[in-house]
N, C-alpha and C. Protein backbone atom coordinates (compact mmCIF):
# COMPACT_ATOMS: atom_id res chain seq x y z
N UNK A 1 -4.98 -16.09 -56.18
CA UNK A 1 -3.94 -17.27 -56.57
C UNK A 1 -3.00 -17.33 -55.73
N UNK A 2 -2.25 -18.28 -56.01
CA UNK A 2 -0.96 -18.60 -55.16
C UNK A 2 0.17 -17.74 -55.80
N UNK A 3 1.40 -17.57 -54.93
CA UNK A 3 2.30 -17.04 -55.62
C UNK A 3 2.96 -17.67 -56.64
N UNK A 4 3.07 -18.95 -56.78
CA UNK A 4 3.62 -19.65 -57.70
C UNK A 4 2.73 -19.58 -59.10
N UNK A 5 1.43 -19.54 -58.77
CA UNK A 5 0.41 -19.43 -59.89
C UNK A 5 0.65 -18.03 -60.48
N UNK A 6 0.70 -17.08 -59.77
CA UNK A 6 0.93 -15.82 -60.21
C UNK A 6 2.13 -15.65 -60.99
N UNK A 7 3.17 -16.15 -60.54
CA UNK A 7 4.51 -15.93 -61.08
C UNK A 7 4.34 -16.51 -62.52
N UNK A 8 4.00 -17.80 -62.49
CA UNK A 8 3.84 -18.61 -63.81
C UNK A 8 2.89 -17.91 -64.78
N UNK A 9 1.65 -17.60 -64.38
CA UNK A 9 0.73 -17.03 -65.21
C UNK A 9 1.21 -15.71 -65.89
N UNK A 10 2.02 -14.95 -64.98
CA UNK A 10 2.49 -13.65 -65.13
C UNK A 10 3.57 -13.81 -66.27
N UNK A 11 4.54 -14.73 -66.13
CA UNK A 11 5.60 -14.86 -67.05
C UNK A 11 5.03 -15.30 -68.37
N UNK A 12 3.92 -16.08 -68.47
CA UNK A 12 3.39 -16.61 -69.66
C UNK A 12 2.68 -15.25 -70.36
N UNK A 13 2.09 -14.53 -69.66
CA UNK A 13 1.31 -13.17 -70.16
C UNK A 13 2.64 -12.27 -70.65
N UNK A 14 3.64 -12.27 -69.90
CA UNK A 14 4.84 -11.45 -70.34
C UNK A 14 5.17 -11.97 -71.81
N UNK A 15 5.40 -13.26 -72.06
CA UNK A 15 6.07 -13.77 -73.11
C UNK A 15 5.01 -13.58 -74.28
N UNK A 16 3.50 -13.94 -73.87
CA UNK A 16 2.78 -13.73 -75.11
C UNK A 16 2.47 -12.42 -75.55
N UNK A 17 2.56 -11.31 -74.49
CA UNK A 17 2.33 -10.01 -74.73
C UNK A 17 3.39 -9.47 -75.71
N UNK A 18 4.80 -10.05 -75.26
CA UNK A 18 5.74 -9.55 -76.06
C UNK A 18 5.82 -10.06 -77.48
N UNK A 19 5.41 -11.28 -77.76
CA UNK A 19 5.28 -11.65 -79.00
C UNK A 19 4.21 -10.92 -79.77
N UNK A 20 3.02 -10.81 -79.21
CA UNK A 20 1.94 -10.02 -79.77
C UNK A 20 2.45 -8.54 -80.22
N UNK A 21 2.98 -7.92 -79.27
CA UNK A 21 3.68 -6.71 -79.52
C UNK A 21 4.56 -6.61 -80.69
N UNK A 22 5.53 -7.60 -80.79
CA UNK A 22 6.40 -7.64 -81.83
C UNK A 22 5.88 -7.91 -83.20
N UNK A 23 4.77 -8.82 -83.20
CA UNK A 23 4.12 -9.21 -84.35
C UNK A 23 3.37 -8.01 -84.88
N UNK A 24 2.71 -7.21 -83.99
CA UNK A 24 1.98 -6.05 -84.39
C UNK A 24 2.97 -4.93 -84.95
N UNK A 25 4.18 -4.88 -84.42
CA UNK A 25 5.19 -3.87 -84.82
C UNK A 25 5.59 -4.41 -86.31
N UNK A 26 5.65 -5.69 -86.41
CA UNK A 26 6.30 -6.13 -87.63
C UNK A 26 5.47 -5.97 -88.80
N UNK A 27 3.96 -6.02 -88.52
CA UNK A 27 2.86 -5.93 -89.63
C UNK A 27 2.29 -4.67 -89.44
N UNK A 28 2.85 -3.70 -88.71
CA UNK A 28 2.43 -2.39 -88.78
C UNK A 28 1.05 -2.14 -88.16
N UNK A 29 0.64 -3.03 -87.16
CA UNK A 29 -0.82 -3.10 -86.54
C UNK A 29 -0.71 -2.30 -85.07
N UNK A 30 -1.09 -1.12 -85.15
CA UNK A 30 -0.70 -0.52 -83.78
C UNK A 30 -1.53 -0.96 -82.80
N UNK A 31 -2.87 -1.45 -83.11
CA UNK A 31 -3.76 -1.87 -82.13
C UNK A 31 -3.16 -3.28 -81.53
N UNK A 32 -2.70 -4.11 -82.44
CA UNK A 32 -2.04 -5.42 -81.86
C UNK A 32 -0.76 -5.17 -80.91
N UNK A 33 -0.08 -4.24 -81.42
CA UNK A 33 1.09 -3.61 -80.86
C UNK A 33 0.70 -3.35 -79.24
N UNK A 34 -0.21 -2.36 -79.23
CA UNK A 34 -0.71 -1.81 -78.10
C UNK A 34 -1.33 -2.96 -77.07
N UNK A 35 -1.96 -3.96 -77.60
CA UNK A 35 -2.61 -4.88 -76.80
C UNK A 35 -1.42 -5.81 -76.29
N UNK A 36 -0.43 -6.06 -77.13
CA UNK A 36 0.50 -6.70 -76.60
C UNK A 36 1.42 -6.22 -75.50
N UNK A 37 1.66 -4.76 -75.60
CA UNK A 37 2.30 -4.24 -74.43
C UNK A 37 1.48 -4.26 -73.38
N UNK A 38 0.06 -4.11 -73.36
CA UNK A 38 -0.74 -4.16 -72.26
C UNK A 38 -0.55 -5.59 -71.55
N UNK A 39 -0.71 -6.39 -72.42
CA UNK A 39 -0.61 -8.04 -71.77
C UNK A 39 0.89 -8.07 -71.16
N UNK A 40 1.82 -7.61 -71.89
CA UNK A 40 3.18 -7.74 -71.38
C UNK A 40 3.26 -7.13 -69.80
N UNK A 41 2.62 -5.95 -69.70
CA UNK A 41 2.62 -5.35 -68.59
C UNK A 41 1.84 -5.75 -67.44
N UNK A 42 0.70 -6.33 -67.86
CA UNK A 42 -0.30 -7.26 -67.03
C UNK A 42 0.67 -8.32 -66.41
N UNK A 43 1.38 -9.06 -67.21
CA UNK A 43 2.09 -10.07 -66.90
C UNK A 43 3.29 -9.64 -65.88
N UNK A 44 3.80 -8.65 -66.13
CA UNK A 44 4.90 -8.17 -65.00
C UNK A 44 4.24 -7.81 -63.72
N UNK A 45 3.01 -7.25 -63.74
CA UNK A 45 2.29 -7.01 -62.52
C UNK A 45 1.98 -8.16 -61.83
N UNK A 46 1.63 -9.21 -62.49
CA UNK A 46 1.13 -10.63 -61.94
C UNK A 46 2.39 -11.22 -61.40
N UNK A 47 3.78 -11.10 -62.04
CA UNK A 47 4.93 -11.60 -61.15
C UNK A 47 5.20 -10.95 -60.16
N UNK A 48 5.04 -9.60 -60.08
CA UNK A 48 5.34 -8.64 -58.87
C UNK A 48 4.44 -9.20 -57.63
N UNK A 49 3.09 -9.32 -58.17
CA UNK A 49 2.30 -9.95 -57.09
C UNK A 49 2.62 -11.07 -56.24
N UNK A 50 3.07 -12.23 -57.06
CA UNK A 50 3.44 -13.33 -56.82
C UNK A 50 4.70 -13.10 -55.86
N UNK A 51 5.70 -12.32 -56.12
CA UNK A 51 6.76 -12.01 -55.26
C UNK A 51 6.44 -11.46 -53.95
N UNK A 52 5.46 -10.34 -53.95
CA UNK A 52 4.96 -9.86 -52.96
C UNK A 52 4.54 -10.65 -51.84
N UNK A 53 3.72 -11.86 -52.39
CA UNK A 53 3.09 -12.99 -51.77
C UNK A 53 4.21 -13.84 -51.11
N UNK A 54 5.20 -13.98 -51.77
CA UNK A 54 6.14 -14.80 -51.45
C UNK A 54 7.01 -14.08 -50.36
N UNK A 55 7.34 -12.99 -50.30
CA UNK A 55 8.01 -12.19 -49.38
C UNK A 55 7.13 -11.99 -48.03
N UNK A 56 6.03 -11.75 -48.28
CA UNK A 56 5.00 -12.06 -46.97
C UNK A 56 5.09 -13.34 -46.16
N UNK A 57 4.86 -14.27 -47.02
CA UNK A 57 5.11 -15.59 -46.44
C UNK A 57 6.25 -15.72 -45.59
N UNK A 58 7.45 -15.37 -46.48
CA UNK A 58 8.68 -15.38 -45.76
C UNK A 58 9.10 -14.77 -44.58
N UNK A 59 8.41 -13.36 -44.66
CA UNK A 59 8.50 -12.72 -43.40
C UNK A 59 7.71 -13.42 -42.18
N UNK A 60 6.49 -13.85 -42.61
CA UNK A 60 5.71 -14.51 -41.57
C UNK A 60 6.48 -15.64 -40.67
N UNK A 61 6.98 -16.56 -41.89
CA UNK A 61 7.81 -17.72 -41.29
C UNK A 61 8.84 -17.34 -40.41
N UNK A 62 9.72 -16.27 -40.86
CA UNK A 62 10.91 -15.96 -40.16
C UNK A 62 10.46 -15.27 -38.86
N UNK A 63 9.45 -14.54 -38.74
CA UNK A 63 9.13 -14.18 -37.53
C UNK A 63 8.41 -15.14 -36.47
N UNK A 64 7.53 -16.10 -37.09
CA UNK A 64 7.08 -17.25 -36.29
C UNK A 64 8.33 -17.90 -35.84
N UNK A 65 9.24 -18.28 -36.78
CA UNK A 65 10.35 -18.96 -36.46
C UNK A 65 11.26 -18.34 -35.15
N UNK A 66 11.42 -17.18 -35.38
CA UNK A 66 12.23 -16.42 -33.95
C UNK A 66 11.40 -16.70 -32.97
N UNK A 67 9.91 -16.43 -32.84
CA UNK A 67 9.38 -16.69 -31.69
C UNK A 67 9.55 -18.04 -31.03
N UNK A 68 9.29 -18.92 -32.18
CA UNK A 68 9.42 -20.66 -31.54
C UNK A 68 10.69 -20.81 -31.04
N UNK A 69 11.75 -20.29 -31.68
CA UNK A 69 13.17 -20.49 -31.22
C UNK A 69 13.36 -19.76 -29.92
N UNK A 70 12.90 -18.59 -29.67
CA UNK A 70 12.84 -18.06 -28.27
C UNK A 70 12.29 -18.68 -27.25
N UNK A 71 10.93 -19.10 -27.64
CA UNK A 71 10.20 -19.87 -26.56
C UNK A 71 10.86 -21.12 -26.31
N UNK A 72 11.43 -21.99 -27.27
CA UNK A 72 12.05 -22.98 -27.04
C UNK A 72 13.42 -22.90 -26.12
N UNK A 73 14.11 -21.75 -26.20
CA UNK A 73 15.25 -21.40 -25.56
C UNK A 73 14.96 -21.04 -24.13
N UNK A 74 13.66 -20.43 -23.79
CA UNK A 74 13.11 -19.93 -22.61
C UNK A 74 12.67 -21.24 -21.83
N UNK A 75 12.00 -22.20 -22.30
CA UNK A 75 11.45 -23.38 -21.65
C UNK A 75 12.65 -24.44 -21.64
N UNK A 76 13.81 -24.27 -22.27
CA UNK A 76 14.86 -25.21 -22.33
C UNK A 76 14.54 -26.40 -23.24
N UNK A 77 13.71 -26.12 -24.28
CA UNK A 77 13.34 -27.32 -25.20
C UNK A 77 14.14 -27.19 -26.52
N UNK A 78 15.23 -28.15 -26.77
CA UNK A 78 16.07 -27.72 -27.59
C UNK A 78 15.55 -28.39 -29.07
N UNK A 79 14.37 -29.06 -28.96
CA UNK A 79 13.75 -29.62 -30.36
C UNK A 79 12.94 -28.31 -30.81
N UNK A 80 12.23 -27.55 -29.88
CA UNK A 80 11.44 -26.37 -30.29
C UNK A 80 12.33 -25.37 -30.75
N UNK A 81 13.53 -25.36 -30.03
CA UNK A 81 14.49 -24.11 -30.47
C UNK A 81 15.01 -24.38 -31.92
N UNK A 82 15.32 -25.80 -32.23
CA UNK A 82 15.90 -26.07 -33.49
C UNK A 82 14.84 -25.95 -34.60
N UNK A 83 13.52 -26.26 -34.13
CA UNK A 83 12.36 -26.25 -35.24
C UNK A 83 12.24 -24.80 -35.53
N UNK A 84 12.23 -23.82 -34.54
CA UNK A 84 12.13 -22.26 -34.62
C UNK A 84 13.38 -21.79 -35.60
N UNK A 85 14.50 -22.15 -35.36
CA UNK A 85 15.54 -21.77 -36.00
C UNK A 85 15.40 -22.24 -37.61
N UNK A 86 15.09 -23.47 -37.86
CA UNK A 86 14.86 -23.91 -39.10
C UNK A 86 13.89 -23.15 -39.89
N UNK A 87 12.50 -22.86 -39.24
CA UNK A 87 11.47 -22.01 -39.77
C UNK A 87 12.04 -20.55 -39.93
N UNK A 88 12.73 -20.02 -39.13
CA UNK A 88 13.15 -18.67 -39.32
C UNK A 88 14.13 -18.50 -40.46
N UNK A 89 14.92 -19.67 -40.69
CA UNK A 89 15.93 -19.73 -41.84
C UNK A 89 15.15 -19.86 -43.20
N UNK A 90 14.21 -20.78 -43.09
CA UNK A 90 13.40 -21.07 -44.12
C UNK A 90 12.56 -19.77 -44.66
N UNK A 91 12.14 -19.08 -43.80
CA UNK A 91 11.61 -17.72 -44.02
C UNK A 91 12.32 -16.79 -44.69
N UNK A 92 13.62 -16.56 -44.03
CA UNK A 92 14.66 -15.65 -44.66
C UNK A 92 14.96 -16.16 -46.06
N UNK A 93 15.05 -17.36 -46.56
CA UNK A 93 15.37 -17.80 -47.64
C UNK A 93 14.05 -17.57 -48.68
N UNK A 94 12.79 -17.75 -48.28
CA UNK A 94 11.68 -17.55 -49.06
C UNK A 94 11.65 -16.01 -49.46
N UNK A 95 12.01 -15.33 -48.50
CA UNK A 95 11.88 -13.90 -48.89
C UNK A 95 13.16 -13.52 -49.89
N UNK A 96 14.14 -14.05 -49.68
CA UNK A 96 15.37 -13.90 -50.50
C UNK A 96 14.85 -14.33 -52.02
N UNK A 97 14.25 -15.50 -52.02
CA UNK A 97 13.87 -16.01 -53.47
C UNK A 97 12.87 -15.20 -54.02
N UNK A 98 12.11 -14.37 -53.32
CA UNK A 98 11.18 -13.42 -54.01
C UNK A 98 11.42 -12.03 -54.06
N UNK A 99 12.71 -11.76 -54.28
CA UNK A 99 13.27 -10.36 -54.30
C UNK A 99 12.78 -9.82 -55.68
């Protein structure tokens, strides 16, 4: 799955699991409560998986941007240097968004 898909499905599982857990608690159904807690934890894991994917993509873009920026500087290509800087900054932002 993609990072966005994992985060969206994970959030949905967290919410659904929380509701199920609370309903189970309210009607004194321990099995339902346990199933809800399990679903909620599964959702949290999915969200964290999505975040990890986002951080990895951000790190990749940041590193590739640095390389491109440095190569552009080395060969005196301002456009390549600017593109590298933009990619590097985008990668940093992507990592931060997935903390």
